[in-house]
Structures are given as structure tokens and as C-alpha cells.
PDB file of all heavy atoms in Angstrom:
ATOM      1  N   GLU A   1      94.734  99.591 111.911  1.00  0.00           N
ATOM      2  CA  GLU A   1      94.161  98.650 110.935  1.00  0.00           C
ATOM      3  C   GLU A   1      92.817  99.157 110.450  1.00  0.00           C
ATOM      4  O   GLU A   1      92.120  99.942 111.042  1.00  0.00           O
ATOM      5  CB  GLU A   1      93.831  97.293 111.616  1.00  0.00           C
ATOM      6  CG  GLU A   1      95.112  96.534 112.262  1.00  0.00           C
ATOM      7  CD  GLU A   1      95.173  96.815 113.703  1.00  0.00           C
ATOM      8  OE1 GLU A   1      94.662  97.808 114.185  1.00  0.00           O
ATOM      9  OE2 GLU A   1      95.855  96.039 114.446  1.00  0.00           O
ATOM     10  N   SER A   2      92.497  98.764 109.148  1.00  0.00           N
ATOM     11  CA  SER A   2      91.291  99.003 108.532  1.00  0.00           C
ATOM     12  C   SER A   2      90.933  97.921 107.487  1.00  0.00           C
ATOM     13  O   SER A   2      91.756  97.192 107.146  1.00  0.00           O
ATOM     14  CB  SER A   2      91.251 100.428 107.829  1.00  0.00           C
ATOM     15  OG  SER A   2      92.296 100.415 106.790  1.00  0.00           O
ATOM     16  N   GLY A   3      89.737  97.958 107.078  1.00  0.00           N
ATOM     17  CA  GLY A   3      89.368  96.999 105.975  1.00  0.00           C
ATOM     18  C   GLY A   3      88.515  95.904 106.467  1.00  0.00           C
ATOM     19  O   GLY A   3      88.025  94.995 105.644  1.00  0.00           O
ATOM     20  N   GLY A   4      88.223  95.740 107.728  1.00  0.00           N
ATOM     21  CA  GLY A   4      87.431  94.653 108.201  1.00  0.00           C
ATOM     22  C   GLY A   4      86.041  94.764 107.772  1.00  0.00           C
ATOM     23  O   GLY A   4      85.563  95.755 107.375  1.00  0.00           O
ATOM     24  N   GLY A   5      85.161  93.769 108.080  1.00  0.00           N
ATOM     25  CA  GLY A   5      83.784  93.961 107.857  1.00  0.00           C
ATOM     26  C   GLY A   5      83.024  92.593 107.744  1.00  0.00           C
ATOM     27  O   GLY A   5      83.652  91.537 108.151  1.00  0.00           O
ATOM     28  N   LEU A   6      81.804  92.484 107.261  1.00  0.00           N
ATOM     29  CA  LEU A   6      81.131  91.450 107.158  1.00  0.00           C
ATOM     30  C   LEU A   6      81.078  90.824 105.757  1.00  0.00           C
ATOM     31  O   LEU A   6      80.791  91.660 104.742  1.00  0.00           O
ATOM     32  CB  LEU A   6      79.645  91.614 107.657  1.00  0.00           C
ATOM     33  CG  LEU A   6      78.613  90.411 107.483  1.00  0.00           C
ATOM     34  CD1 LEU A   6      79.004  89.324 108.297  1.00  0.00           C
ATOM     35  CD2 LEU A   6      77.212  90.962 107.728  1.00  0.00           C
ATOM     36  N   VAL A   7      81.383  89.553 105.586  1.00  0.00           N
ATOM     37  CA  VAL A   7      81.482  88.999 104.237  1.00  0.00           C
ATOM     38  C   VAL A   7      80.853  87.594 104.138  1.00  0.00           C
ATOM     39  O   VAL A   7      80.927  86.909 105.304  1.00  0.00           O
ATOM     40  CB  VAL A   7      82.924  89.014 103.569  1.00  0.00           C
ATOM     41  CG1 VAL A   7      83.780  88.178 104.558  1.00  0.00           C
ATOM     42  CG2 VAL A   7      82.899  88.635 102.178  1.00  0.00           C
ATOM     43  N   GLN A   8      80.281  87.207 103.069  1.00  0.00           N
ATOM     44  CA  GLN A   8      79.784  85.804 103.043  1.00  0.00           C
ATOM     45  C   GLN A   8      80.911  84.822 102.765  1.00  0.00           C
ATOM     46  O   GLN A   8      82.090  85.231 102.215  1.00  0.00           O
ATOM     47  CB  GLN A   8      78.807  85.654 101.892  1.00  0.00           C
ATOM     48  CG  GLN A   8      77.511  86.344 102.154  1.00  0.00           C
ATOM     49  CD  GLN A   8      76.484  86.036 101.071  1.00  0.00           C
ATOM     50  OE1 GLN A   8      76.724  85.802  99.883  1.00  0.00           O
ATOM     51  NE2 GLN A   8      75.191  85.966 101.465  1.00  0.00           N
ATOM     52  N   ALA A   9      80.849  83.580 103.051  1.00  0.00           N
ATOM     53  CA  ALA A   9      81.813  82.538 102.929  1.00  0.00           C
ATOM     54  C   ALA A   9      82.131  82.515 101.514  1.00  0.00           C
ATOM     55  O   ALA A   9      81.189  82.623 100.601  1.00  0.00           O
ATOM     56  CB  ALA A   9      81.230  81.214 103.388  1.00  0.00           C
ATOM     57  N   GLY A  10      83.484  82.395 101.151  1.00  0.00           N
ATOM     58  CA  GLY A  10      83.924  82.374  99.747  1.00  0.00           C
ATOM     59  C   GLY A  10      84.219  83.798  99.296  1.00  0.00           C
ATOM     60  O   GLY A  10      84.965  83.860  98.296  1.00  0.00           O
ATOM     61  N   GLY A  11      83.969  84.837 100.117  1.00  0.00           N
ATOM     62  CA  GLY A  11      84.242  86.253  99.654  1.00  0.00           C
ATOM     63  C   GLY A  11      85.639  86.488 100.055  1.00  0.00           C
ATOM     64  O   GLY A  11      86.451  85.800 100.543  1.00  0.00           O
ATOM     65  N   SER A  12      85.836  87.810  99.676  1.00  0.00           N
ATOM     66  CA  SER A  12      87.305  88.293 100.030  1.00  0.00           C
ATOM     67  C   SER A  12      87.234  89.647 100.669  1.00  0.00           C
ATOM     68  O   SER A  12      86.258  90.427 100.603  1.00  0.00           O
ATOM     69  CB  SER A  12      87.934  88.659  98.616  1.00  0.00           C
ATOM     70  OG  SER A  12      88.080  87.445  97.886  1.00  0.00           O
ATOM     71  N   LEU A  13      88.302  89.941 101.388  1.00  0.00           N
ATOM     72  CA  LEU A  13      88.471  91.256 102.158  1.00  0.00           C
ATOM     73  C   LEU A  13      90.143  91.580 101.968  1.00  0.00           C
ATOM     74  O   LEU A  13      90.885  90.628 101.855  1.00  0.00           O
ATOM     75  CB  LEU A  13      88.178  91.191 103.575  1.00  0.00           C
ATOM     76  CG  LEU A  13      86.487  91.314 103.817  1.00  0.00           C
ATOM     77  CD1 LEU A  13      86.366  91.106 105.381  1.00  0.00           C
ATOM     78  CD2 LEU A  13      85.925  92.534 103.573  1.00  0.00           C
ATOM     79  N   ARG A  14      90.176  92.898 101.938  1.00  0.00           N
ATOM     80  CA  ARG A  14      91.714  93.363 102.141  1.00  0.00           C
ATOM     81  C   ARG A  14      91.880  94.111 103.279  1.00  0.00           C
ATOM     82  O   ARG A  14      91.309  95.242 103.400  1.00  0.00           O
ATOM     83  CB  ARG A  14      92.079  94.041 100.841  1.00  0.00           C
ATOM     84  CG  ARG A  14      93.552  94.347 100.718  1.00  0.00           C
ATOM     85  CD  ARG A  14      93.754  95.493  99.678  1.00  0.00           C
ATOM     86  NE  ARG A  14      95.279  95.583  99.243  1.00  0.00           N
ATOM     87  CZ  ARG A  14      95.776  96.649  98.708  1.00  0.00           C
ATOM     88  NH1 ARG A  14      95.056  97.651  98.463  1.00  0.00           N
ATOM     89  NH2 ARG A  14      96.967  96.594  98.365  1.00  0.00           N
ATOM     90  N   LEU A  15      92.671  93.603 104.217  1.00  0.00           N
ATOM     91  CA  LEU A  15      93.055  94.478 105.440  1.00  0.00           C
ATOM     92  C   LEU A  15      94.257  95.372 105.163  1.00  0.00           C
ATOM     93  O   LEU A  15      95.155  94.972 104.444  1.00  0.00           O
ATOM     94  CB  LEU A  15      93.263  93.596 106.573  1.00  0.00           C
ATOM     95  CG  LEU A  15      92.095  92.626 106.937  1.00  0.00           C
ATOM     96  CD1 LEU A  15      92.504  91.924 108.287  1.00  0.00           C
ATOM     97  CD2 LEU A  15      90.791  93.314 107.073  1.00  0.00           C
ATOM     98  N   SER A  16      94.223  96.527 105.744  1.00  0.00           N
ATOM     99  CA  SER A  16      95.321  97.382 105.641  1.00  0.00           C
ATOM    100  C   SER A  16      95.854  97.788 107.098  1.00  0.00           C
ATOM    101  O   SER A  16      94.964  97.805 108.010  1.00  0.00           O
ATOM    102  CB  SER A  16      95.095  98.756 104.927  1.00  0.00           C
ATOM    103  OG  SER A  16      94.664  98.434 103.614  1.00  0.00           O
ATOM    104  N   CYS A  17      97.112  97.989 107.259  1.00  0.00           N
ATOM    105  CA  CYS A  17      97.596  98.492 108.481  1.00  0.00           C
ATOM    106  C   CYS A  17      98.551  99.692 108.227  1.00  0.00           C
ATOM    107  O   CYS A  17      99.631  99.417 107.652  1.00  0.00           O
ATOM    108  CB  CYS A  17      98.296  97.293 109.281  1.00  0.00           C
ATOM    109  SG  CYS A  17      99.242  97.870 110.770  1.00  0.00           S
ATOM    110  N   ALA A  18      98.191 100.932 108.584  1.00  0.00           N
ATOM    111  CA  ALA A  18      99.021 101.971 108.426  1.00  0.00           C
ATOM    112  C   ALA A  18      99.868 102.290 109.602  1.00  0.00           C
ATOM    113  O   ALA A  18      99.448 102.419 110.822  1.00  0.00           O
ATOM    114  CB  ALA A  18      98.141 103.209 108.066  1.00  0.00           C
ATOM    115  N   ALA A  19     101.090 102.481 109.311  1.00  0.00           N
ATOM    116  CA  ALA A  19     102.228 102.813 110.384  1.00  0.00           C
ATOM    117  C   ALA A  19     102.524 104.182 110.361  1.00  0.00           C
ATOM    118  O   ALA A  19     102.696 104.866 109.324  1.00  0.00           O
ATOM    119  CB  ALA A  19     103.374 101.835 110.272  1.00  0.00           C
ATOM    120  N   SER A  20     102.848 104.687 111.538  1.00  0.00           N
ATOM    121  CA  SER A  20     103.358 106.107 111.624  1.00  0.00           C
ATOM    122  C   SER A  20     104.295 106.227 112.905  1.00  0.00           C
ATOM    123  O   SER A  20     104.135 105.341 113.726  1.00  0.00           O
ATOM    124  CB  SER A  20     102.218 107.112 111.726  1.00  0.00           C
ATOM    125  OG  SER A  20     101.422 106.904 112.855  1.00  0.00           O
ATOM    126  N   GLY A  21     105.114 107.321 112.901  1.00  0.00           N
ATOM    127  CA  GLY A  21     105.945 107.544 113.972  1.00  0.00           C
ATOM    128  C   GLY A  21     107.341 106.976 114.091  1.00  0.00           C
ATOM    129  O   GLY A  21     108.056 107.309 114.975  1.00  0.00           O
ATOM    130  N   SER A  22     107.629 106.151 113.103  1.00  0.00           N
ATOM    131  CA  SER A  22     108.939 105.577 113.036  1.00  0.00           C
ATOM    132  C   SER A  22     109.270 105.067 111.641  1.00  0.00           C
ATOM    133  O   SER A  22     108.362 105.011 110.835  1.00  0.00           O
ATOM    134  CB  SER A  22     109.076 104.400 114.151  1.00  0.00           C
ATOM    135  OG  SER A  22     110.304 103.980 114.163  1.00  0.00           O
ATOM    136  N   THR A  23     110.479 104.660 111.371  1.00  0.00           N
ATOM    137  CA  THR A  23     110.771 104.187 110.148  1.00  0.00           C
ATOM    138  C   THR A  23     110.177 102.776 109.836  1.00  0.00           C
ATOM    139  O   THR A  23     110.631 101.785 110.478  1.00  0.00           O
ATOM    140  CB  THR A  23     112.379 104.138 109.861  1.00  0.00           C
ATOM    141  OG1 THR A  23     112.862 105.412 110.150  1.00  0.00           O
ATOM    142  CG2 THR A  23     112.704 103.768 108.546  1.00  0.00           C
ATOM    143  N   PHE A  24     109.250 102.685 109.018  1.00  0.00           N
ATOM    144  CA  PHE A  24     108.512 101.504 108.757  1.00  0.00           C
ATOM    145  C   PHE A  24     109.369 100.305 108.333  1.00  0.00           C
ATOM    146  O   PHE A  24     109.072  99.235 108.824  1.00  0.00           O
ATOM    147  CB  PHE A  24     107.442 101.778 107.763  1.00  0.00           C
ATOM    148  CG  PHE A  24     106.411 100.632 107.485  1.00  0.00           C
ATOM    149  CD1 PHE A  24     105.681 100.073 108.387  1.00  0.00           C
ATOM    150  CD2 PHE A  24     106.336 100.133 106.237  1.00  0.00           C
ATOM    151  CE1 PHE A  24     104.772  99.033 108.168  1.00  0.00           C
ATOM    152  CE2 PHE A  24     105.475  99.003 105.853  1.00  0.00           C
ATOM    153  CZ  PHE A  24     104.771  98.472 106.899  1.00  0.00           C
ATOM    154  N   SER A  25     110.315 100.618 107.451  1.00  0.00           N
ATOM    155  CA  SER A  25     111.154  99.549 106.942  1.00  0.00           C
ATOM    156  C   SER A  25     112.038  98.879 107.985  1.00  0.00           C
ATOM    157  O   SER A  25     112.721  97.851 107.692  1.00  0.00           O
ATOM    158  CB  SER A  25     111.898 100.022 105.781  1.00  0.00           C
ATOM    159  OG  SER A  25     112.763 101.042 106.160  1.00  0.00           O
ATOM    160  N   ASN A  26     112.051  99.483 109.259  1.00  0.00           N
ATOM    161  CA  ASN A  26     112.808  98.791 110.248  1.00  0.00           C
ATOM    162  C   ASN A  26     112.224  97.694 110.922  1.00  0.00           C
ATOM    163  O   ASN A  26     112.747  97.041 111.783  1.00  0.00           O
ATOM    164  CB  ASN A  26     113.084  99.867 111.335  1.00  0.00           C
ATOM    165  CG  ASN A  26     114.312 100.845 110.835  1.00  0.00           C
ATOM    166  OD1 ASN A  26     114.932 100.663 109.907  1.00  0.00           O
ATOM    167  ND2 ASN A  26     114.435 102.015 111.592  1.00  0.00           N
TER     168      ASN A  26
END
């Protein structure tokens, strides 16, 4: 995972989760 952090109330964040090692669509 990545994309976390500190944000003020009302704000936005976008988290990402990168997968590896196997067929992701499974």
C-alpha cells in the first residue's frame, strides 16, 4: 500500500495497492 498521510478534515487522499507475484485479475 501507499498514499497515506496527514490531511485536514474535508480533504482527500488516494490510496494505492500494488500487487505482484501472481495474476492480479484472479
